[in-house]
PDB file of N, CA and C in Angstrom:
ATOM      1  N   MET A   1     -24.612  -3.900 -24.879  1.00  0.00           N
ATOM      2  CA  MET A   1     -24.362  -2.714 -25.856  1.00  0.00           C
ATOM      3  C   MET A   1     -23.455  -1.796 -25.258  1.00  0.00           C
ATOM      4  N   GLY A   2     -21.961  -2.019 -25.309  1.00  0.00           N
ATOM      5  CA  GLY A   2     -21.089  -0.854 -24.930  1.00  0.00           C
ATOM      6  C   GLY A   2     -20.765  -0.064 -25.714  1.00  0.00           C
ATOM      7  N   LEU A   3     -19.508   0.464 -25.530  1.00  0.00           N
ATOM      8  CA  LEU A   3     -18.688   1.571 -26.279  1.00  0.00           C
ATOM      9  C   LEU A   3     -18.406   0.745 -27.732  1.00  0.00           C
ATOM     10  N   GLY A   4     -18.206  -0.352 -27.510  1.00  0.00           N
ATOM     11  CA  GLY A   4     -17.621  -1.185 -28.792  1.00  0.00           C
ATOM     12  C   GLY A   4     -18.842  -0.834 -29.871  1.00  0.00           C
ATOM     13  N   ALA A   5     -19.889  -0.946 -29.613  1.00  0.00           N
ATOM     14  CA  ALA A   5     -21.169  -0.816 -30.638  1.00  0.00           C
ATOM     15  C   ALA A   5     -21.148   0.592 -31.205  1.00  0.00           C
ATOM     16  N   ILE A   6     -20.410   1.600 -30.949  1.00  0.00           N
ATOM     17  CA  ILE A   6     -20.613   2.982 -31.439  1.00  0.00           C
ATOM     18  C   ILE A   6     -19.761   2.996 -32.640  1.00  0.00           C
ATOM     19  N   GLY A   7     -18.526   2.424 -32.519  1.00  0.00           N
ATOM     20  CA  GLY A   7     -17.817   2.708 -34.110  1.00  0.00           C
ATOM     21  C   GLY A   7     -17.317   3.957 -34.282  1.00  0.00           C
ATOM     22  N   ILE A   8     -16.660   4.038 -35.483  1.00  0.00           N
ATOM     23  CA  ILE A   8     -15.883   5.303 -35.794  1.00  0.00           C
ATOM     24  C   ILE A   8     -16.714   6.259 -36.346  1.00  0.00           C
ATOM     25  N   PRO A   9     -17.758   6.056 -36.843  1.00  0.00           N
ATOM     26  CA  PRO A   9     -18.815   7.108 -37.366  1.00  0.00           C
ATOM     27  C   PRO A   9     -19.385   7.581 -36.256  1.00  0.00           C
ATOM     28  N   GLY A  10     -19.932   6.811 -35.177  1.00  0.00           N
ATOM     29  CA  GLY A  10     -20.409   7.494 -34.116  1.00  0.00           C
ATOM     30  C   GLY A  10     -19.510   8.375 -33.477  1.00  0.00           C
ATOM     31  N   LEU A  11     -18.360   7.960 -33.088  1.00  0.00           N
ATOM     32  CA  LEU A  11     -17.306   8.641 -32.272  1.00  0.00           C
ATOM     33  C   LEU A  11     -17.314  10.337 -33.216  1.00  0.00           C
ATOM     34  N   ILE A  12     -17.197   9.869 -34.376  1.00  0.00           N
ATOM     35  CA  ILE A  12     -17.055  11.358 -35.186  1.00  0.00           C
ATOM     36  C   ILE A  12     -18.210  12.287 -34.962  1.00  0.00           C
ATOM     37  N   LEU A  13     -19.461  11.663 -35.142  1.00  0.00           N
ATOM     38  CA  LEU A  13     -20.473  12.278 -35.038  1.00  0.00           C
ATOM     39  C   LEU A  13     -20.756  13.055 -33.664  1.00  0.00           C
ATOM     40  N   ILE A  14     -20.367  12.384 -32.486  1.00  0.00           N
ATOM     41  CA  ILE A  14     -20.266  12.723 -31.087  1.00  0.00           C
ATOM     42  C   ILE A  14     -19.197  13.889 -30.934  1.00  0.00           C
ATOM     43  N   LEU A  15     -18.191  14.075 -31.662  1.00  0.00           N
ATOM     44  CA  LEU A  15     -17.122  15.086 -31.550  1.00  0.00           C
ATOM     45  C   LEU A  15     -17.723  16.305 -32.261  1.00  0.00           C
ATOM     46  N   ILE A  16     -18.293  16.137 -33.336  1.00  0.00           N
ATOM     47  CA  ILE A  16     -19.173  17.173 -34.093  1.00  0.00           C
ATOM     48  C   ILE A  16     -19.916  17.892 -33.288  1.00  0.00           C
ATOM     49  N   ILE A  17     -20.869  17.070 -32.552  1.00  0.00           N
ATOM     50  CA  ILE A  17     -21.881  17.672 -31.891  1.00  0.00           C
ATOM     51  C   ILE A  17     -21.175  18.519 -30.572  1.00  0.00           C
ATOM     52  N   ALA A  18     -20.310  17.737 -29.935  1.00  0.00           N
ATOM     53  CA  ALA A  18     -19.293  18.637 -28.985  1.00  0.00           C
ATOM     54  C   ALA A  18     -18.936  19.758 -29.326  1.00  0.00           C
ATOM     55  N   LEU A  19     -18.310  19.798 -30.527  1.00  0.00           N
ATOM     56  CA  LEU A  19     -17.617  21.030 -31.360  1.00  0.00           C
ATOM     57  C   LEU A  19     -18.644  22.116 -31.195  1.00  0.00           C
ATOM     58  N   VAL A  20     -20.026  21.786 -31.826  1.00  0.00           N
ATOM     59  CA  VAL A  20     -20.763  22.809 -32.193  1.00  0.00           C
ATOM     60  C   VAL A  20     -21.300  23.236 -30.879  1.00  0.00           C
ATOM     61  N   LEU A  21     -21.732  22.256 -29.883  1.00  0.00           N
ATOM     62  CA  LEU A  21     -22.126  22.743 -28.535  1.00  0.00           C
ATOM     63  C   LEU A  21     -21.064  23.880 -27.589  1.00  0.00           C
ATOM     64  N   PHE A  22     -20.058  23.138 -27.450  1.00  0.00           N
ATOM     65  CA  PHE A  22     -19.032  24.018 -26.645  1.00  0.00           C
ATOM     66  C   PHE A  22     -18.148  24.878 -27.460  1.00  0.00           C
ATOM     67  N   GLY A  23     -18.094  24.709 -28.668  1.00  0.00           N
ATOM     68  CA  GLY A  23     -17.035  25.816 -29.463  1.00  0.00           C
ATOM     69  C   GLY A  23     -15.632  25.329 -29.251  1.00  0.00           C
ATOM     70  N   PRO A  24     -14.930  25.562 -30.168  1.00  0.00           N
ATOM     71  CA  PRO A  24     -13.315  25.242 -30.377  1.00  0.00           C
ATOM     72  C   PRO A  24     -12.461  25.631 -29.100  1.00  0.00           C
ATOM     73  N   ASN A  25     -12.851  26.868 -28.628  1.00  0.00           N
ATOM     74  CA  ASN A  25     -12.102  27.417 -27.504  1.00  0.00           C
ATOM     75  C   ASN A  25     -12.376  26.564 -26.111  1.00  0.00           C
ATOM     76  N   LYS A  26     -13.575  26.414 -26.120  1.00  0.00           N
ATOM     77  CA  LYS A  26     -14.087  25.863 -24.762  1.00  0.00           C
ATOM     78  C   LYS A  26     -13.710  23.994 -24.538  1.00  0.00           C
ATOM     79  N   LEU A  27     -13.551  23.551 -26.021  1.00  0.00           N
ATOM     80  CA  LEU A  27     -13.354  22.065 -25.938  1.00  0.00           C
ATOM     81  C   LEU A  27     -12.153  21.526 -25.460  1.00  0.00           C
ATOM     82  N   PRO A  28     -10.971  22.152 -25.644  1.00  0.00           N
ATOM     83  CA  PRO A  28      -9.973  21.702 -24.891  1.00  0.00           C
ATOM     84  C   PRO A  28      -9.749  22.051 -23.446  1.00  0.00           C
ATOM     85  N   GLU A  29     -10.636  23.067 -22.978  1.00  0.00           N
ATOM     86  CA  GLU A  29     -10.608  23.234 -21.334  1.00  0.00           C
ATOM     87  C   GLU A  29     -11.726  22.007 -20.929  1.00  0.00           C
ATOM     88  N   LEU A  30     -12.555  21.681 -21.581  1.00  0.00           N
ATOM     89  CA  LEU A  30     -13.394  20.688 -21.103  1.00  0.00           C
ATOM     90  C   LEU A  30     -12.408  19.223 -21.159  1.00  0.00           C
ATOM     91  N   GLY A  31     -11.696  19.215 -22.188  1.00  0.00           N
ATOM     92  CA  GLY A  31     -10.719  17.921 -22.019  1.00  0.00           C
ATOM     93  C   GLY A  31      -9.783  17.771 -21.069  1.00  0.00           C
ATOM     94  N   ARG A  32      -9.146  18.940 -20.504  1.00  0.00           N
ATOM     95  CA  ARG A  32      -8.116  19.087 -19.476  1.00  0.00           C
ATOM     96  C   ARG A  32      -9.086  18.898 -18.113  1.00  0.00           C
ATOM     97  N   ALA A  33      -9.928  19.562 -18.049  1.00  0.00           N
ATOM     98  CA  ALA A  33     -10.861  19.202 -16.652  1.00  0.00           C
ATOM     99  C   ALA A  33     -11.444  18.050 -16.346  1.00  0.00           C
ATOM    100  N   PHE A  34     -11.658  17.281 -17.774  1.00  0.00           N
ATOM    101  CA  PHE A  34     -12.051  15.614 -17.496  1.00  0.00           C
ATOM    102  C   PHE A  34     -10.878  14.696 -17.240  1.00  0.00           C
ATOM    103  N   GLY A  35      -9.741  15.240 -18.023  1.00  0.00           N
ATOM    104  CA  GLY A  35      -8.459  14.384 -17.506  1.00  0.00           C
ATOM    105  C   GLY A  35      -8.057  14.424 -15.996  1.00  0.00           C
ATOM    106  N   LYS A  36      -8.094  15.775 -15.742  1.00  0.00           N
ATOM    107  CA  LYS A  36      -7.617  15.914 -14.450  1.00  0.00           C
ATOM    108  C   LYS A  36      -8.817  15.138 -13.067  1.00  0.00           C
ATOM    109  N   THR A  37      -9.728  15.438 -13.583  1.00  0.00           N
ATOM    110  CA  THR A  37     -10.914  14.644 -12.797  1.00  0.00           C
ATOM    111  C   THR A  37     -10.504  13.086 -12.793  1.00  0.00           C
ATOM    112  N   LEU A  38     -10.402  12.550 -13.784  1.00  0.00           N
ATOM    113  CA  LEU A  38     -10.155  11.111 -14.325  1.00  0.00           C
ATOM    114  C   LEU A  38      -8.864  10.939 -13.360  1.00  0.00           C
ATOM    115  N   LYS A  39      -7.842  11.750 -13.274  1.00  0.00           N
ATOM    116  CA  LYS A  39      -6.438  11.590 -12.586  1.00  0.00           C
ATOM    117  C   LYS A  39      -6.877  11.452 -11.250  1.00  0.00           C
ATOM    118  N   GLU A  40      -7.519  12.248 -10.560  1.00  0.00           N
ATOM    119  CA  GLU A  40      -7.833  12.441  -9.165  1.00  0.00           C
ATOM    120  C   GLU A  40      -8.734  11.109  -8.715  1.00  0.00           C
ATOM    121  N   PHE A  41      -9.553  10.739  -9.590  1.00  0.00           N
ATOM    122  CA  PHE A  41     -10.314   9.583  -9.162  1.00  0.00           C
ATOM    123  C   PHE A  41      -9.353   8.352  -9.091  1.00  0.00           C
ATOM    124  N   LYS A  42      -8.670   8.193 -10.407  1.00  0.00           N
ATOM    125  CA  LYS A  42      -7.721   7.156 -10.099  1.00  0.00           C
ATOM    126  C   LYS A  42      -6.924   6.925  -8.823  1.00  0.00           C
ATOM    127  N   LYS A  43      -6.398   8.161  -8.624  1.00  0.00           N
ATOM    128  CA  LYS A  43      -5.367   8.443  -7.346  1.00  0.00           C
ATOM    129  C   LYS A  43      -6.110   7.972  -6.268  1.00  0.00           C
ATOM    130  N   GLY A  44      -7.309   8.558  -6.136  1.00  0.00           N
ATOM    131  CA  GLY A  44      -8.039   8.185  -5.028  1.00  0.00           C
ATOM    132  C   GLY A  44      -8.301   6.826  -4.634  1.00  0.00           C
ATOM    133  N   ALA A  45      -8.780   6.076  -5.879  1.00  0.00           N
ATOM    134  CA  ALA A  45      -8.739   4.376  -5.939  1.00  0.00           C
ATOM    135  C   ALA A  45      -7.737   3.818  -5.642  1.00  0.00           C
ATOM    136  N   ASN A  46      -6.561   4.302  -6.070  1.00  0.00           N
ATOM    137  CA  ASN A  46      -5.280   3.403  -5.716  1.00  0.00           C
ATOM    138  C   ASN A  46      -4.878   3.724  -4.237  1.00  0.00           C
ATOM    139  N   ASP A  47      -5.162   5.038  -3.682  1.00  0.00           N
ATOM    140  CA  ASP A  47      -4.994   5.064  -2.245  1.00  0.00           C
ATOM    141  C   ASP A  47      -5.858   4.412  -1.320  1.00  0.00           C
ATOM    142  N   ILE A  48      -7.038   4.140  -1.792  1.00  0.00           N
ATOM    143  CA  ILE A  48      -7.732   3.147  -0.989  1.00  0.00           C
ATOM    144  C   ILE A  48      -7.445   1.644  -1.079  1.00  0.00           C
ATOM    145  N   LEU A  49      -7.030   1.514  -2.104  1.00  0.00           N
ATOM    146  CA  LEU A  49      -6.461  -0.113  -2.345  1.00  0.00           C
ATOM    147  C   LEU A  49      -5.115  -0.353  -1.742  1.00  0.00           C
ATOM    148  N   ASP A  50      -4.126   0.630  -1.644  1.00  0.00           N
ATOM    149  CA  ASP A  50      -2.898   0.587  -1.068  1.00  0.00           C
ATOM    150  C   ASP A  50      -3.191   0.455   0.549  1.00  0.00           C
ATOM    151  N   ASP A  51      -4.076   1.222   0.928  1.00  0.00           N
ATOM    152  CA  ASP A  51      -4.570   1.356   2.433  1.00  0.00           C
ATOM    153  C   ASP A  51      -5.146   0.155   2.806  1.00  0.00           C
ATOM    154  N   GLU A  52      -6.130  -0.591   2.071  1.00  0.00           N
ATOM    155  CA  GLU A  52      -6.302  -1.871   2.249  1.00  0.00           C
ATOM    156  C   GLU A  52      -5.102  -3.141   2.417  1.00  0.00           C
ATOM    157  N   ASP A  53      -4.585  -2.931   1.334  1.00  0.00           N
ATOM    158  CA  ASP A  53      -3.332  -3.743   1.172  1.00  0.00           C
ATOM    159  C   ASP A  53      -2.232  -3.640   2.667  1.00  0.00           C
ATOM    160  N   LYS A  54      -2.025  -2.576   3.031  1.00  0.00           N
ATOM    161  CA  LYS A  54      -1.260  -2.413   4.033  1.00  0.00           C
ATOM    162  C   LYS A  54      -2.130  -2.957   5.494  1.00  0.00           C
ATOM    163  N   ASN A  55      -3.328  -2.599   5.491  1.00  0.00           N
ATOM    164  CA  ASN A  55      -3.981  -3.284   6.558  1.00  0.00           C
ATOM    165  C   ASN A  55      -3.920  -4.709   6.541  1.00  0.00           C
ATOM    166  N   ASN A  56      -4.137  -5.393   5.440  1.00  0.00           N
ATOM    167  CA  ASN A  56      -4.084  -6.836   5.405  1.00  0.00           C
ATOM    168  C   ASN A  56      -2.547  -7.102   5.706  1.00  0.00           C
ATOM    169  N   GLN A  57      -1.394  -6.393   5.286  1.00  0.00           N
ATOM    170  CA  GLN A  57      -0.028  -6.878   5.626  1.00  0.00           C
ATOM    171  C   GLN A  57       0.200  -6.860   7.069  1.00  0.00           C
ATOM    172  N   ASN A  58      -0.380  -5.893   7.533  1.00  0.00           N
ATOM    173  CA  ASN A  58      -0.143  -5.666   8.988  1.00  0.00           C
ATOM    174  C   ASN A  58      -0.953  -6.803   9.797  1.00  0.00           C
ATOM    175  N   VAL A  59      -2.205  -7.097   9.598  1.00  0.00           N
ATOM    176  CA  VAL A  59      -2.857  -8.269  10.144  1.00  0.00           C
ATOM    177  C   VAL A  59      -1.927  -9.544   9.984  1.00  0.00           C
ATOM    178  N   THR A  60      -1.475  -9.918   8.587  1.00  0.00           N
ATOM    179  CA  THR A  60      -0.807 -11.126   8.562  1.00  0.00           C
ATOM    180  C   THR A  60       0.609 -10.964   9.376  1.00  0.00           C
ATOM    181  N   ARG A  61       1.473 -10.097   9.316  1.00  0.00           N
ATOM    182  CA  ARG A  61       2.534  -9.946  10.198  1.00  0.00           C
ATOM    183  C   ARG A  61       2.303 -10.093  11.607  1.00  0.00           C
ATOM    184  N   LYS A  62       1.290  -9.419  12.245  1.00  0.00           N
ATOM    185  CA  LYS A  62       0.567  -9.875  13.714  1.00  0.00           C
ATOM    186  C   LYS A  62       0.346 -11.281  13.796  1.00  0.00           C
ATOM    187  N   GLU A  63      -0.182 -12.020  12.890  1.00  0.00           N
ATOM    188  CA  GLU A  63      -0.559 -13.263  12.971  1.00  0.00           C
ATOM    189  C   GLU A  63       0.634 -14.053  13.049  1.00  0.00           C
ATOM    190  N   ILE A  64       1.678 -13.708  12.160  1.00  0.00           N
ATOM    191  CA  ILE A  64       2.911 -14.368  11.997  1.00  0.00           C
ATOM    192  C   ILE A  64       3.465 -14.172  13.511  1.00  0.00           C
ATOM    193  N   ASN A  65       3.675 -13.289  13.956  1.00  0.00           N
ATOM    194  CA  ASN A  65       4.252 -12.933  15.035  1.00  0.00           C
ATOM    195  C   ASN A  65       4.045 -13.505  16.381  1.00  0.00           C
ATOM    196  N   GLU A  66       2.571 -13.650  16.409  1.00  0.00           N
ATOM    197  CA  GLU A  66       1.930 -14.348  17.417  1.00  0.00           C
ATOM    198  C   GLU A  66       2.122 -15.642  17.319  1.00  0.00           C
ATOM    199  N   ALA A  67       2.127 -16.288  16.221  1.00  0.00           N
ATOM    200  CA  ALA A  67       2.625 -17.760  16.054  1.00  0.00           C
ATOM    201  C   ALA A  67       4.009 -17.810  16.506  1.00  0.00           C
ATOM    202  N   GLU A  68       4.771 -17.218  16.091  1.00  0.00           N
ATOM    203  CA  GLU A  68       6.178 -17.393  16.328  1.00  0.00           C
ATOM    204  C   GLU A  68       6.222 -17.067  17.976  1.00  0.00           C
ATOM    205  N   VAL A  69       5.974 -16.330  18.629  1.00  0.00           N
ATOM    206  CA  VAL A  69       5.636 -16.252  20.150  1.00  0.00           C
ATOM    207  C   VAL A  69       5.263 -17.615  20.800  1.00  0.00           C
ATOM    208  N   SER A  70       4.094 -18.010  20.247  1.00  0.00           N
ATOM    209  CA  SER A  70       3.730 -19.241  20.821  1.00  0.00           C
ATOM    210  C   SER A  70       4.533 -20.496  20.657  1.00  0.00           C
ATOM    211  N   GLN A  71       5.189 -20.490  19.492  1.00  0.00           N
ATOM    212  CA  GLN A  71       6.014 -21.441  19.134  1.00  0.00           C
ATOM    213  C   GLN A  71       7.221 -21.533  20.093  1.00  0.00           C
ATOM    214  N   SER A  72       7.648 -20.214  20.156  1.00  0.00           N
ATOM    215  CA  SER A  72       8.910 -20.057  20.997  1.00  0.00           C
ATOM    216  C   SER A  72       8.534 -20.453  22.279  1.00  0.00           C
ATOM    217  N   LYS A  73       7.491 -20.139  23.224  1.00  0.00           N
ATOM    218  CA  LYS A  73       7.018 -20.698  24.359  1.00  0.00           C
ATOM    219  C   LYS A  73       6.660 -22.305  24.345  1.00  0.00           C
ATOM    220  N   LYS A  74       6.329 -22.908  23.497  1.00  0.00           N
ATOM    221  CA  LYS A  74       6.152 -24.275  23.433  1.00  0.00           C
ATOM    222  C   LYS A  74       7.555 -24.665  23.444  1.00  0.00           C
ATOM    223  N   ASP A  75       8.550 -24.338  22.689  1.00  0.00           N
ATOM    224  CA  ASP A  75       9.974 -24.688  22.790  1.00  0.00           C
ATOM    225  C   ASP A  75      10.687 -24.628  24.038  1.00  0.00           C
ATOM    226  N   LYS A  76      10.427 -23.417  24.798  1.00  0.00           N
ATOM    227  CA  LYS A  76      10.873 -23.039  26.146  1.00  0.00           C
ATOM    228  C   LYS A  76      10.340 -24.373  27.110  1.00  0.00           C
ATOM    229  N   GLU A  77       9.237 -24.432  27.006  1.00  0.00           N
ATOM    230  CA  GLU A  77       8.621 -25.461  27.944  1.00  0.00           C
ATOM    231  C   GLU A  77       9.084 -26.808  27.686  1.00  0.00           C
ATOM    232  N   ASP A  78       9.354 -27.244  26.308  1.00  0.00           N
ATOM    233  CA  ASP A  78       9.916 -28.634  26.214  1.00  0.00           C
ATOM    234  C   ASP A  78      11.231 -28.564  26.546  1.00  0.00           C
ATOM    235  N   ASN A  79      11.966 -27.597  26.785  1.00  0.00           N
ATOM    236  CA  ASN A  79      13.384 -27.483  27.059  1.00  0.00           C
ATOM    237  C   ASN A  79      13.503 -27.571  28.860  1.00  0.00           C
ATOM    238  N   ARG A  80      12.443 -27.416  29.638  1.00  0.00           N
ATOM    239  CA  ARG A  80      12.306 -27.487  30.692  1.00  0.00           C
ATOM    240  C   ARG A  80      12.252 -28.795  31.531  1.00  0.00           C
ATOM    241  N   ARG A  81      11.740 -29.817  30.213  1.00  0.00           N
ATOM    242  CA  ARG A  81      11.564 -31.215  31.170  1.00  0.00           C
ATOM    243  C   ARG A  81      12.922 -31.700  31.375  1.00  0.00           C
ATOM    244  N   LEU A  82      12.903 -32.604  32.411  1.00  0.00           N
ATOM    245  CA  LEU A  82      14.022 -33.403  32.800  1.00  0.00           C
ATOM    246  C   LEU A  82      14.313 -34.659  31.824  1.00  0.00           C
ATOM    247  N   PRO A  83      15.677 -34.767  31.738  1.00  0.00           N
ATOM    248  CA  PRO A  83      15.837 -36.189  30.644  1.00  0.00           C
ATOM    249  C   PRO A  83      15.506 -37.503  31.264  1.00  0.00           C
ATOM    250  N   ASP A  84      15.213 -38.358  30.508  1.00  0.00           N
ATOM    251  CA  ASP A  84      14.675 -39.468  30.928  1.00  0.00           C
ATOM    252  C   ASP A  84      15.796 -40.505  31.417  1.00  0.00           C
TER     253      ASP A  84
END
């Protein structure tokens, strides 16, 4: 049972109750505060995800560089052999 079960009449009832409890002057302030809070939460979540992606990219790049170095060492060793 989620928010989809509330429907339009339920939302109207919730808005009327909020209007009665907080008054018409306080309601816009509460909406702005809620919006700012939600914006900061999303920003923080995105920062965490971006940091995680950057760490994964750095690890992948390091692994690729190590593979290239080991491959170049093998190539150099192969070049040192005398021809048959």
